[in-house]
Amino acid sequence: MNSNELIREKQKLWATRKGVQMRTDKYRCSYTLNPDQNVFKGLSESTKDWFKKADGHELEMKDSCPPKMTAVYSSSALCVNVFQYFLDRPELACALFQSCKLIGQTDKLEEAKMQFECIDYPIKIGDNTISTPNIDLVAELTYGTNKRHIIAESKFTEPYSGSHNNFLSHKYYTNKDLWTNLDLLKLYEALNIDNIDEIETNMSGKIEKGKFVFPYKYLDATQLLKHLLGAACTFKDKRNILLVYLWYDAWGTEGVCHRNEIEDFRHIVEEITPIRVRHITYQELIVNLWNKLDHDDHSDYLNYIADRYL
């Protein structure tokens, strides 16, 4: 059993143990009847609104397939299960982002704003919008004289399923002005995007001429790069951008290779741009929250995320 299969089976067992009602059609055992059943205390109204405005089909059927967030192994549900609890608890924001290791243990937040499935950071050249990425989680943190824009991507089973297409389409690599205007030309050159004709195959050996293929098996670098470009188009001072990768660790070689790829990407970006890249596993984050929050006040939440995801 590989990591993808193991994680999915563990989530199915969680649903069985908790008596969660599942679909009885061909999607049985893997999908709940509705998104609320897959989220701690259900989706808040603001969370529903954010997902409805995006185009990821997380909450509605598409082509007879159930909503994506009803999958027990949904990375969106994982992100919401961990972070939604803090939307209406601003007094806990400092504990949350300290647990994420995004601020120091002695830092005091003056304000923290969060949003799921953000579509507010379009990738543009001038007034021309190339694309608008769906960003799993964004946050704006204000503490002292510092302000940080958190752009976060959430991953659960995806890195281990082999299903992501890790290539950059022509609308990004042919628009060299996009990178130049954002003062990211050095990143473009470091990724070797200009040598597109030299790329012939992807990781699975399929011919991918006319696309830039990243040399990563587990890390979806394309998605991270799109988020980076959207943030760079939105915020003038790139020193305030923090690109965050929230991921689920796996035992053995797959987890080690995934971590090495993340570190390689982080090193490339931080070596030649002012944008910082941070990553943390959900397992570490949950343990940090368990140690940080008062159990008497937050036992239901802590027990839910620990029981389900550790």
C-alpha atoms as a PDB file:
ATOM      1  CA  MET A   1       0.000   0.000   0.000  1.00  0.00           C
ATOM      2  CA  ASN A   2       1.521   3.344  -1.049  1.00  0.00           C
ATOM      3  CA  SER A   3       1.160   6.641   0.837  1.00  0.00           C
ATOM      4  CA  ASN A   4      -1.817   7.812  -1.196  1.00  0.00           C
ATOM      5  CA  GLU A   5      -3.733   4.591  -0.527  1.00  0.00           C
ATOM      6  CA  LEU A   6      -2.759   4.518   3.148  1.00  0.00           C
ATOM      7  CA  ILE A   7      -3.925   8.081   3.818  1.00  0.00           C
ATOM      8  CA  ARG A   8      -7.221   7.493   2.016  1.00  0.00           C
ATOM      9  CA  GLU A   9      -7.900   4.254   3.872  1.00  0.00           C
ATOM     10  CA  LYS A  10      -7.163   5.951   7.193  1.00  0.00           C
ATOM     11  CA  GLN A  11      -9.726   8.660   6.394  1.00  0.00           C
ATOM     12  CA  LYS A  12     -12.321   6.053   5.432  1.00  0.00           C
ATOM     13  CA  LEU A  13     -11.719   4.293   8.744  1.00  0.00           C
ATOM     14  CA  TRP A  14     -12.154   7.588  10.568  1.00  0.00           C
ATOM     15  CA  ALA A  15     -15.546   8.080   8.890  1.00  0.00           C
ATOM     16  CA  THR A  16     -16.604   4.532   9.769  1.00  0.00           C
ATOM     17  CA  ARG A  17     -15.540   4.865  13.413  1.00  0.00           C
ATOM     18  CA  LYS A  18     -17.365   8.176  13.788  1.00  0.00           C
ATOM     19  CA  GLY A  19     -20.539   6.946  12.078  1.00  0.00           C
ATOM     20  CA  VAL A  20     -20.340   9.556   9.318  1.00  0.00           C
ATOM     21  CA  GLN A  21     -22.951   8.952   6.631  1.00  0.00           C
ATOM     22  CA  MET A  22     -21.356   8.199   3.275  1.00  0.00           C
ATOM     23  CA  ARG A  23     -22.651   8.032  -0.274  1.00  0.00           C
ATOM     24  CA  THR A  24     -23.998   4.660  -1.375  1.00  0.00           C
ATOM     25  CA  ASP A  25     -23.320   4.992  -5.112  1.00  0.00           C
ATOM     26  CA  LYS A  26     -19.988   4.337  -6.857  1.00  0.00           C
ATOM     27  CA  TYR A  27     -18.396   7.030  -4.679  1.00  0.00           C
ATOM     28  CA  ARG A  28     -19.348   5.198  -1.466  1.00  0.00           C
ATOM     29  CA  CYS A  29     -16.910   5.015   1.433  1.00  0.00           C
ATOM     30  CA  SER A  30     -14.888   7.991   0.146  1.00  0.00           C
ATOM     31  CA  TYR A  31     -17.428  10.829   0.027  1.00  0.00           C
ATOM     32  CA  THR A  32     -19.735  12.218   2.688  1.00  0.00           C
ATOM     33  CA  LEU A  33     -23.305  13.189   1.802  1.00  0.00           C
ATOM     34  CA  ASN A  34     -22.503  16.898   2.031  1.00  0.00           C
ATOM     35  CA  PRO A  35     -19.509  19.135   2.841  1.00  0.00           C
ATOM     36  CA  ASP A  36     -20.717  19.947   6.357  1.00  0.00           C
ATOM     37  CA  GLN A  37     -20.300  16.304   7.383  1.00  0.00           C
ATOM     38  CA  ASN A  38     -16.645  16.473   6.412  1.00  0.00           C
ATOM     39  CA  VAL A  39     -15.827  19.605   8.420  1.00  0.00           C
ATOM     40  CA  PHE A  40     -15.607  20.186  12.166  1.00  0.00           C
ATOM     41  CA  LYS A  41     -18.872  21.870  13.236  1.00  0.00           C
ATOM     42  CA  GLY A  42     -19.750  22.370   9.540  1.00  0.00           C
ATOM     43  CA  LEU A  43     -18.876  25.220   7.183  1.00  0.00           C
ATOM     44  CA  SER A  44     -19.355  28.777   8.398  1.00  0.00           C
ATOM     45  CA  GLU A  45     -21.376  31.136   6.219  1.00  0.00           C
ATOM     46  CA  SER A  46     -18.298  33.172   5.292  1.00  0.00           C
ATOM     47  CA  THR A  47     -16.399  29.996   4.340  1.00  0.00           C
ATOM     48  CA  LYS A  48     -19.312  28.888   2.125  1.00  0.00           C
ATOM     49  CA  ASP A  49     -19.386  32.286   0.428  1.00  0.00           C
ATOM     50  CA  TRP A  50     -15.665  32.206  -0.369  1.00  0.00           C
ATOM     51  CA  PHE A  51     -15.835  28.752  -1.917  1.00  0.00           C
ATOM     52  CA  LYS A  52     -18.979  29.578  -3.892  1.00  0.00           C
ATOM     53  CA  LYS A  53     -17.301  32.606  -5.479  1.00  0.00           C
ATOM     54  CA  ALA A  54     -14.335  30.509  -6.664  1.00  0.00           C
ATOM     55  CA  ASP A  55     -14.445  28.069  -9.562  1.00  0.00           C
ATOM     56  CA  GLY A  56     -12.985  24.982  -7.891  1.00  0.00           C
ATOM     57  CA  HIS A  57     -16.324  23.123  -7.594  1.00  0.00           C
ATOM     58  CA  GLU A  58     -15.632  22.357  -3.966  1.00  0.00           C
ATOM     59  CA  LEU A  59     -19.249  22.663  -2.825  1.00  0.00           C
ATOM     60  CA  GLU A  60     -21.265  21.656  -5.883  1.00  0.00           C
ATOM     61  CA  MET A  61     -21.611  18.727  -8.249  1.00  0.00           C
ATOM     62  CA  LYS A  62     -19.723  18.741 -11.544  1.00  0.00           C
ATOM     63  CA  ASP A  63     -20.338  16.246 -14.366  1.00  0.00           C
ATOM     64  CA  SER A  64     -22.253  13.951 -11.993  1.00  0.00           C
ATOM     65  CA  CYS A  65     -19.290  13.916  -9.597  1.00  0.00           C
ATOM     66  CA  PRO A  66     -19.886  14.841  -5.941  1.00  0.00           C
ATOM     67  CA  PRO A  67     -18.508  18.097  -4.530  1.00  0.00           C
ATOM     68  CA  LYS A  68     -14.758  17.870  -4.057  1.00  0.00           C
ATOM     69  CA  MET A  69     -14.948  18.856  -0.401  1.00  0.00           C
ATOM     70  CA  THR A  70     -17.083  15.834   0.404  1.00  0.00           C
ATOM     71  CA  ALA A  71     -14.103  13.533  -0.212  1.00  0.00           C
ATOM     72  CA  VAL A  72     -12.750  12.411   3.163  1.00  0.00           C
ATOM     73  CA  TYR A  73      -9.239  12.909   1.760  1.00  0.00           C
ATOM     74  CA  SER A  74      -9.970  16.461   0.518  1.00  0.00           C
ATOM     75  CA  SER A  75      -7.092  18.883   1.033  1.00  0.00           C
ATOM     76  CA  SER A  76      -9.590  21.768   1.145  1.00  0.00           C
ATOM     77  CA  ALA A  77     -11.504  20.058   3.949  1.00  0.00           C
ATOM     78  CA  LEU A  78      -8.206  19.470   5.756  1.00  0.00           C
ATOM     79  CA  CYS A  79      -7.318  23.168   5.494  1.00  0.00           C
ATOM     80  CA  VAL A  80     -10.773  24.260   6.664  1.00  0.00           C
ATOM     81  CA  ASN A  81     -10.787  21.755   9.520  1.00  0.00           C
ATOM     82  CA  VAL A  82      -7.546  23.181  10.887  1.00  0.00           C
ATOM     83  CA  PHE A  83      -7.993  26.916  10.213  1.00  0.00           C
ATOM     84  CA  GLN A  84     -11.740  27.714  10.226  1.00  0.00           C
ATOM     85  CA  TYR A  85     -11.881  27.350  14.014  1.00  0.00           C
ATOM     86  CA  PHE A  86      -9.873  30.572  14.323  1.00  0.00           C
ATOM     87  CA  LEU A  87     -11.991  32.782  12.027  1.00  0.00           C
ATOM     88  CA  ASP A  88     -14.224  33.985  14.866  1.00  0.00           C
ATOM     89  CA  ARG A  89     -11.579  33.667  17.575  1.00  0.00           C
ATOM     90  CA  PRO A  90      -9.201  36.588  16.892  1.00  0.00           C
ATOM     91  CA  GLU A  91      -7.725  36.247  20.373  1.00  0.00           C
ATOM     92  CA  LEU A  92      -6.194  32.921  19.245  1.00  0.00           C
ATOM     93  CA  ALA A  93      -4.616  34.229  16.042  1.00  0.00           C
ATOM     94  CA  CYS A  94      -1.225  34.638  17.656  1.00  0.00           C
ATOM     95  CA  ALA A  95      -1.264  31.046  18.912  1.00  0.00           C
ATOM     96  CA  LEU A  96      -2.273  29.795  15.451  1.00  0.00           C
ATOM     97  CA  PHE A  97       0.453  31.547  13.490  1.00  0.00           C
ATOM     98  CA  GLN A  98       3.079  30.786  16.118  1.00  0.00           C
ATOM     99  CA  SER A  99       2.069  27.130  15.736  1.00  0.00           C
ATOM    100  CA  CYS A 100       2.492  27.541  11.972  1.00  0.00           C
ATOM    101  CA  LYS A 101       5.969  28.946  12.726  1.00  0.00           C
ATOM    102  CA  LEU A 102       5.164  32.028  10.667  1.00  0.00           C
ATOM    103  CA  ILE A 103       5.742  34.497  13.503  1.00  0.00           C
ATOM    104  CA  GLY A 104       8.062  34.378  16.481  1.00  0.00           C
ATOM    105  CA  GLN A 105       7.012  32.942  19.827  1.00  0.00           C
ATOM    106  CA  THR A 106       7.259  36.404  21.400  1.00  0.00           C
ATOM    107  CA  ASP A 107       5.534  38.315  18.572  1.00  0.00           C
ATOM    108  CA  LYS A 108       2.152  39.856  19.356  1.00  0.00           C
ATOM    109  CA  LEU A 109      -0.314  40.253  16.507  1.00  0.00           C
ATOM    110  CA  GLU A 110      -2.290  43.476  16.295  1.00  0.00           C
ATOM    111  CA  GLU A 111      -4.565  42.111  13.575  1.00  0.00           C
ATOM    112  CA  ALA A 112      -4.990  38.935  11.541  1.00  0.00           C
ATOM    113  CA  LYS A 113      -7.369  38.477   8.623  1.00  0.00           C
ATOM    114  CA  MET A 114      -7.952  35.110   6.947  1.00  0.00           C
ATOM    115  CA  GLN A 115      -9.821  33.899   3.884  1.00  0.00           C
ATOM    116  CA  PHE A 116     -10.255  30.542   2.172  1.00  0.00           C
ATOM    117  CA  GLU A 117     -10.228  29.921  -1.601  1.00  0.00           C
ATOM    118  CA  CYS A 118      -9.102  33.447  -2.435  1.00  0.00           C
ATOM    119  CA  ILE A 119      -9.445  34.685  -6.044  1.00  0.00           C
ATOM    120  CA  ASP A 120      -8.272  38.243  -5.374  1.00  0.00           C
ATOM    121  CA  TYR A 121      -4.711  37.908  -6.728  1.00  0.00           C
ATOM    122  CA  PRO A 122      -4.907  37.796 -10.546  1.00  0.00           C
ATOM    123  CA  ILE A 123      -1.800  37.331 -12.674  1.00  0.00           C
ATOM    124  CA  LYS A 124      -1.638  40.368 -14.963  1.00  0.00           C
ATOM    125  CA  ILE A 125       0.466  42.191 -17.527  1.00  0.00           C
ATOM    126  CA  GLY A 126      -0.721  45.762 -17.335  1.00  0.00           C
ATOM    127  CA  ASP A 127      -4.511  45.618 -17.441  1.00  0.00           C
ATOM    128  CA  ASN A 128      -4.541  42.215 -19.143  1.00  0.00           C
ATOM    129  CA  THR A 129      -5.412  39.322 -16.792  1.00  0.00           C
ATOM    130  CA  ILE A 130      -3.691  36.069 -17.734  1.00  0.00           C
ATOM    131  CA  SER A 131      -5.305  33.927 -15.043  1.00  0.00           C
ATOM    132  CA  THR A 132      -6.725  34.070 -11.536  1.00  0.00           C
ATOM    133  CA  PRO A 133      -5.461  31.290  -9.269  1.00  0.00           C
ATOM    134  CA  ASN A 134      -7.600  29.830  -6.477  1.00  0.00           C
ATOM    135  CA  ILE A 135      -5.464  30.175  -3.347  1.00  0.00           C
ATOM    136  CA  ASP A 136      -6.391  27.765  -0.546  1.00  0.00           C
ATOM    137  CA  LEU A 137      -5.723  30.196   2.283  1.00  0.00           C
ATOM    138  CA  VAL A 138      -4.598  33.804   2.504  1.00  0.00           C
ATOM    139  CA  ALA A 139      -3.920  35.831   5.621  1.00  0.00           C
ATOM    140  CA  GLU A 140      -2.803  39.346   6.365  1.00  0.00           C
ATOM    141  CA  LEU A 141      -0.837  39.667   9.582  1.00  0.00           C
ATOM    142  CA  THR A 142      -0.041  42.964  11.266  1.00  0.00           C
ATOM    143  CA  TYR A 143       2.368  43.068  14.203  1.00  0.00           C
ATOM    144  CA  GLY A 144       4.451  46.055  15.263  1.00  0.00           C
ATOM    145  CA  THR A 145       5.709  47.760  12.128  1.00  0.00           C
ATOM    146  CA  ASN A 146       5.510  44.520  10.173  1.00  0.00           C
ATOM    147  CA  LYS A 147       2.811  43.402   7.776  1.00  0.00           C
ATOM    148  CA  ARG A 148       2.909  39.992   6.132  1.00  0.00           C
ATOM    149  CA  HIS A 149       0.799  38.656   3.300  1.00  0.00           C
ATOM    150  CA  ILE A 150       0.443  34.890   3.694  1.00  0.00           C
ATOM    151  CA  ILE A 151      -0.270  32.962   0.484  1.00  0.00           C
ATOM    152  CA  ALA A 152      -0.828  29.320   1.414  1.00  0.00           C
ATOM    153  CA  GLU A 153      -1.280  26.130  -0.591  1.00  0.00           C
ATOM    154  CA  SER A 154      -2.754  23.044   1.092  1.00  0.00           C
ATOM    155  CA  LYS A 155      -1.892  19.469   0.085  1.00  0.00           C
ATOM    156  CA  PHE A 156      -3.109  16.145   1.472  1.00  0.00           C
ATOM    157  CA  THR A 157      -2.913  13.069  -0.778  1.00  0.00           C
ATOM    158  CA  GLU A 158      -2.202  14.944  -4.033  1.00  0.00           C
ATOM    159  CA  PRO A 159       1.618  14.776  -3.902  1.00  0.00           C
ATOM    160  CA  TYR A 160       1.500  10.996  -3.547  1.00  0.00           C
ATOM    161  CA  SER A 161      -1.227  10.277  -6.118  1.00  0.00           C
ATOM    162  CA  GLY A 162       0.827  11.134  -9.212  1.00  0.00           C
ATOM    163  CA  SER A 163      -2.156  13.031 -10.607  1.00  0.00           C
ATOM    164  CA  HIS A 164      -0.860  16.599 -10.852  1.00  0.00           C
ATOM    165  CA  ASN A 165       0.454  17.985 -14.149  1.00  0.00           C
ATOM    166  CA  ASN A 166       3.695  19.654 -13.161  1.00  0.00           C
ATOM    167  CA  PHE A 167       4.188  21.857 -16.187  1.00  0.00           C
ATOM    168  CA  LEU A 168       3.922  25.549 -16.906  1.00  0.00           C
ATOM    169  CA  SER A 169       1.710  26.358 -19.896  1.00  0.00           C
ATOM    170  CA  HIS A 170       2.744  28.679 -22.720  1.00  0.00           C
ATOM    171  CA  LYS A 171       0.792  31.704 -21.456  1.00  0.00           C
ATOM    172  CA  TYR A 172       3.284  31.962 -18.600  1.00  0.00           C
ATOM    173  CA  TYR A 173       6.600  31.022 -20.183  1.00  0.00           C
ATOM    174  CA  THR A 174       6.046  32.966 -23.419  1.00  0.00           C
ATOM    175  CA  ASN A 175       5.157  36.156 -21.532  1.00  0.00           C
ATOM    176  CA  LYS A 176       8.662  37.152 -20.535  1.00  0.00           C
ATOM    177  CA  ASP A 177       7.403  40.686 -19.924  1.00  0.00           C
ATOM    178  CA  LEU A 178       5.346  39.317 -17.027  1.00  0.00           C
ATOM    179  CA  TRP A 179       8.485  38.241 -15.208  1.00  0.00           C
ATOM    180  CA  THR A 180      10.421  41.371 -16.196  1.00  0.00           C
ATOM    181  CA  ASN A 181       7.684  43.750 -15.026  1.00  0.00           C
ATOM    182  CA  LEU A 182       7.515  41.989 -11.665  1.00  0.00           C
ATOM    183  CA  ASP A 183      11.312  42.118 -11.296  1.00  0.00           C
ATOM    184  CA  LEU A 184      11.343  38.303 -11.321  1.00  0.00           C
ATOM    185  CA  LEU A 185      13.426  37.796 -14.450  1.00  0.00           C
ATOM    186  CA  LYS A 186      16.214  36.161 -12.424  1.00  0.00           C
ATOM    187  CA  LEU A 187      13.729  33.583 -11.145  1.00  0.00           C
ATOM    188  CA  TYR A 188      12.593  32.946 -14.719  1.00  0.00           C
ATOM    189  CA  GLU A 189      16.207  32.368 -15.736  1.00  0.00           C
ATOM    190  CA  ALA A 190      17.049  30.242 -12.673  1.00  0.00           C
ATOM    191  CA  LEU A 191      14.139  27.904 -13.446  1.00  0.00           C
ATOM    192  CA  ASN A 192      15.538  27.578 -16.971  1.00  0.00           C
ATOM    193  CA  ILE A 193      12.141  28.403 -18.436  1.00  0.00           C
ATOM    194  CA  ASP A 194      13.752  30.107 -21.421  1.00  0.00           C
ATOM    195  CA  ASN A 195      15.113  26.750 -22.637  1.00  0.00           C
ATOM    196  CA  ILE A 196      11.667  25.362 -23.352  1.00  0.00           C
ATOM    197  CA  ASP A 197      12.714  23.555 -26.525  1.00  0.00           C
ATOM    198  CA  GLU A 198      15.093  21.391 -24.516  1.00  0.00           C
ATOM    199  CA  ILE A 199      12.224  19.890 -22.504  1.00  0.00           C
ATOM    200  CA  GLU A 200      10.872  16.747 -24.138  1.00  0.00           C
ATOM    201  CA  THR A 201       9.419  14.476 -21.476  1.00  0.00           C
ATOM    202  CA  ASN A 202       7.752  14.790 -18.115  1.00  0.00           C
ATOM    203  CA  MET A 203       8.324  12.637 -15.038  1.00  0.00           C
ATOM    204  CA  SER A 204       6.134   9.827 -16.388  1.00  0.00           C
ATOM    205  CA  GLY A 205       7.936   9.802 -19.734  1.00  0.00           C
ATOM    206  CA  LYS A 206       5.113  11.398 -21.724  1.00  0.00           C
ATOM    207  CA  ILE A 207       6.057  13.843 -24.452  1.00  0.00           C
ATOM    208  CA  GLU A 208       5.409  17.403 -23.323  1.00  0.00           C
ATOM    209  CA  LYS A 209       6.867  19.582 -26.075  1.00  0.00           C
ATOM    210  CA  GLY A 210       5.711  23.172 -25.853  1.00  0.00           C
ATOM    211  CA  LYS A 211       5.393  23.056 -22.074  1.00  0.00           C
ATOM    212  CA  PHE A 212       7.913  23.718 -19.345  1.00  0.00           C
ATOM    213  CA  VAL A 213       8.052  20.658 -17.090  1.00  0.00           C
ATOM    214  CA  PHE A 214       9.350  21.026 -13.534  1.00  0.00           C
ATOM    215  CA  PRO A 215      11.716  18.243 -12.411  1.00  0.00           C
ATOM    216  CA  TYR A 216       9.624  17.363  -9.358  1.00  0.00           C
ATOM    217  CA  LYS A 217       7.689  14.175  -8.760  1.00  0.00           C
ATOM    218  CA  TYR A 218       5.781  15.167  -5.610  1.00  0.00           C
ATOM    219  CA  LEU A 219       5.824  18.971  -5.416  1.00  0.00           C
ATOM    220  CA  ASP A 220       3.318  20.843  -7.583  1.00  0.00           C
ATOM    221  CA  ALA A 221       5.720  23.698  -8.286  1.00  0.00           C
ATOM    222  CA  THR A 222       3.497  25.069 -11.040  1.00  0.00           C
ATOM    223  CA  GLN A 223       0.716  25.886  -8.592  1.00  0.00           C
ATOM    224  CA  LEU A 224       3.115  27.502  -6.145  1.00  0.00           C
ATOM    225  CA  LEU A 225       4.649  29.574  -8.911  1.00  0.00           C
ATOM    226  CA  LYS A 226       1.217  30.825 -10.034  1.00  0.00           C
ATOM    227  CA  HIS A 227       0.415  31.849  -6.464  1.00  0.00           C
ATOM    228  CA  LEU A 228       3.764  33.623  -6.283  1.00  0.00           C
ATOM    229  CA  LEU A 229       3.068  35.504  -9.525  1.00  0.00           C
ATOM    230  CA  GLY A 230      -0.431  36.507  -8.379  1.00  0.00           C
ATOM    231  CA  ALA A 231       0.907  37.827  -5.087  1.00  0.00           C
ATOM    232  CA  ALA A 232       3.745  39.676  -6.844  1.00  0.00           C
ATOM    233  CA  CYS A 233       1.202  41.338  -9.148  1.00  0.00           C
ATOM    234  CA  THR A 234      -0.890  42.409  -6.140  1.00  0.00           C
ATOM    235  CA  PHE A 235       1.683  43.593  -3.606  1.00  0.00           C
ATOM    236  CA  LYS A 236       4.358  46.086  -4.588  1.00  0.00           C
ATOM    237  CA  ASP A 237       6.744  45.232  -1.741  1.00  0.00           C
ATOM    238  CA  LYS A 238       7.649  41.582  -2.277  1.00  0.00           C
ATOM    239  CA  ARG A 239       9.498  41.477   1.040  1.00  0.00           C
ATOM    240  CA  ASN A 240       6.084  41.273   2.734  1.00  0.00           C
ATOM    241  CA  ILE A 241       5.009  38.181   0.769  1.00  0.00           C
ATOM    242  CA  LEU A 242       5.257  34.815   2.480  1.00  0.00           C
ATOM    243  CA  LEU A 243       4.519  31.812   0.282  1.00  0.00           C
ATOM    244  CA  VAL A 244       3.470  28.948   2.574  1.00  0.00           C
ATOM    245  CA  TYR A 245       3.187  25.254   1.725  1.00  0.00           C
ATOM    246  CA  LEU A 246       0.961  23.265   4.105  1.00  0.00           C
ATOM    247  CA  TRP A 247       1.457  19.582   3.436  1.00  0.00           C
ATOM    248  CA  TYR A 248       0.739  16.144   4.812  1.00  0.00           C
ATOM    249  CA  ASP A 249       3.830  14.076   5.484  1.00  0.00           C
ATOM    250  CA  ALA A 250       4.157  10.426   4.465  1.00  0.00           C
ATOM    251  CA  TRP A 251       6.252   7.598   5.821  1.00  0.00           C
ATOM    252  CA  GLY A 252       9.348   6.425   3.992  1.00  0.00           C
ATOM    253  CA  THR A 253      10.902   7.498   0.727  1.00  0.00           C
ATOM    254  CA  GLU A 254       7.887   9.395  -0.600  1.00  0.00           C
ATOM    255  CA  GLY A 255       7.817  11.763   2.361  1.00  0.00           C
ATOM    256  CA  VAL A 256      11.589  12.302   2.283  1.00  0.00           C
ATOM    257  CA  CYS A 257      11.609  13.014  -1.461  1.00  0.00           C
ATOM    258  CA  HIS A 258       8.656  15.366  -1.127  1.00  0.00           C
ATOM    259  CA  ARG A 259      10.431  17.332   1.610  1.00  0.00           C
ATOM    260  CA  ASN A 260      13.637  17.537  -0.453  1.00  0.00           C
ATOM    261  CA  GLU A 261      11.723  18.919  -3.430  1.00  0.00           C
ATOM    262  CA  ILE A 262      10.070  21.565  -1.250  1.00  0.00           C
ATOM    263  CA  GLU A 263      13.451  22.618   0.094  1.00  0.00           C
ATOM    264  CA  ASP A 264      14.912  22.781  -3.412  1.00  0.00           C
ATOM    265  CA  PHE A 265      12.096  25.049  -4.596  1.00  0.00           C
ATOM    266  CA  ARG A 266      12.378  27.205  -1.472  1.00  0.00           C
ATOM    267  CA  HIS A 267      16.116  27.622  -1.980  1.00  0.00           C
ATOM    268  CA  ILE A 268      15.682  28.710  -5.619  1.00  0.00           C
ATOM    269  CA  VAL A 269      13.021  31.316  -4.790  1.00  0.00           C
ATOM    270  CA  GLU A 270      14.723  32.741  -1.705  1.00  0.00           C
ATOM    271  CA  GLU A 271      18.171  32.818  -3.301  1.00  0.00           C
ATOM    272  CA  ILE A 272      17.164  35.335  -5.973  1.00  0.00           C
ATOM    273  CA  THR A 273      13.920  37.030  -4.863  1.00  0.00           C
ATOM    274  CA  PRO A 274      12.840  38.897  -1.716  1.00  0.00           C
ATOM    275  CA  ILE A 275       9.852  36.543  -1.392  1.00  0.00           C
ATOM    276  CA  ARG A 276      10.117  34.125   1.524  1.00  0.00           C
ATOM    277  CA  VAL A 277       8.939  30.500   1.306  1.00  0.00           C
ATOM    278  CA  ARG A 278       7.928  28.510   4.370  1.00  0.00           C
ATOM    279  CA  HIS A 279       6.534  25.024   4.772  1.00  0.00           C
ATOM    280  CA  ILE A 280       5.138  22.948   7.612  1.00  0.00           C
ATOM    281  CA  THR A 281       3.451  19.572   7.758  1.00  0.00           C
ATOM    282  CA  TYR A 282      -0.083  19.356   9.051  1.00  0.00           C
ATOM    283  CA  GLN A 283       1.103  16.784  11.563  1.00  0.00           C
ATOM    284  CA  GLU A 284       3.601  19.217  13.069  1.00  0.00           C
ATOM    285  CA  LEU A 285       1.064  22.042  13.032  1.00  0.00           C
ATOM    286  CA  ILE A 286      -1.543  19.935  14.859  1.00  0.00           C
ATOM    287  CA  VAL A 287       0.998  18.873  17.502  1.00  0.00           C
ATOM    288  CA  ASN A 288       2.001  22.518  17.950  1.00  0.00           C
ATOM    289  CA  LEU A 289      -1.638  23.560  18.380  1.00  0.00           C
ATOM    290  CA  TRP A 290      -2.178  20.714  20.837  1.00  0.00           C
ATOM    291  CA  ASN A 291       0.699  22.045  22.949  1.00  0.00           C
ATOM    292  CA  LYS A 292      -0.251  25.698  22.553  1.00  0.00           C
ATOM    293  CA  LEU A 293      -4.028  25.817  23.188  1.00  0.00           C
ATOM    294  CA  ASP A 294      -5.799  25.271  26.487  1.00  0.00           C
ATOM    295  CA  HIS A 295      -7.363  21.805  26.414  1.00  0.00           C
ATOM    296  CA  ASP A 296     -10.201  22.709  28.767  1.00  0.00           C
ATOM    297  CA  ASP A 297     -11.382  25.417  26.379  1.00  0.00           C
ATOM    298  CA  HIS A 298     -10.645  23.745  23.039  1.00  0.00           C
ATOM    299  CA  SER A 299     -10.843  20.000  23.656  1.00  0.00           C
ATOM    300  CA  ASP A 300     -13.508  19.264  20.996  1.00  0.00           C
ATOM    301  CA  TYR A 301     -11.488  20.944  18.255  1.00  0.00           C
ATOM    302  CA  LEU A 302      -8.129  19.529  19.323  1.00  0.00           C
ATOM    303  CA  ASN A 303      -9.477  16.005  19.708  1.00  0.00           C
ATOM    304  CA  TYR A 304     -11.132  16.184  16.285  1.00  0.00           C
ATOM    305  CA  ILE A 305      -8.046  17.231  14.318  1.00  0.00           C
ATOM    306  CA  ALA A 306      -5.711  14.968  16.309  1.00  0.00           C
ATOM    307  CA  ASP A 307      -7.945  11.918  16.031  1.00  0.00           C
ATOM    308  CA  ARG A 308      -8.524  12.436  12.347  1.00  0.00           C
ATOM    309  CA  TYR A 309      -5.176  13.578  11.021  1.00  0.00           C
ATOM    310  CA  LEU A 310      -2.455  12.234  13.337  1.00  0.00           C
END
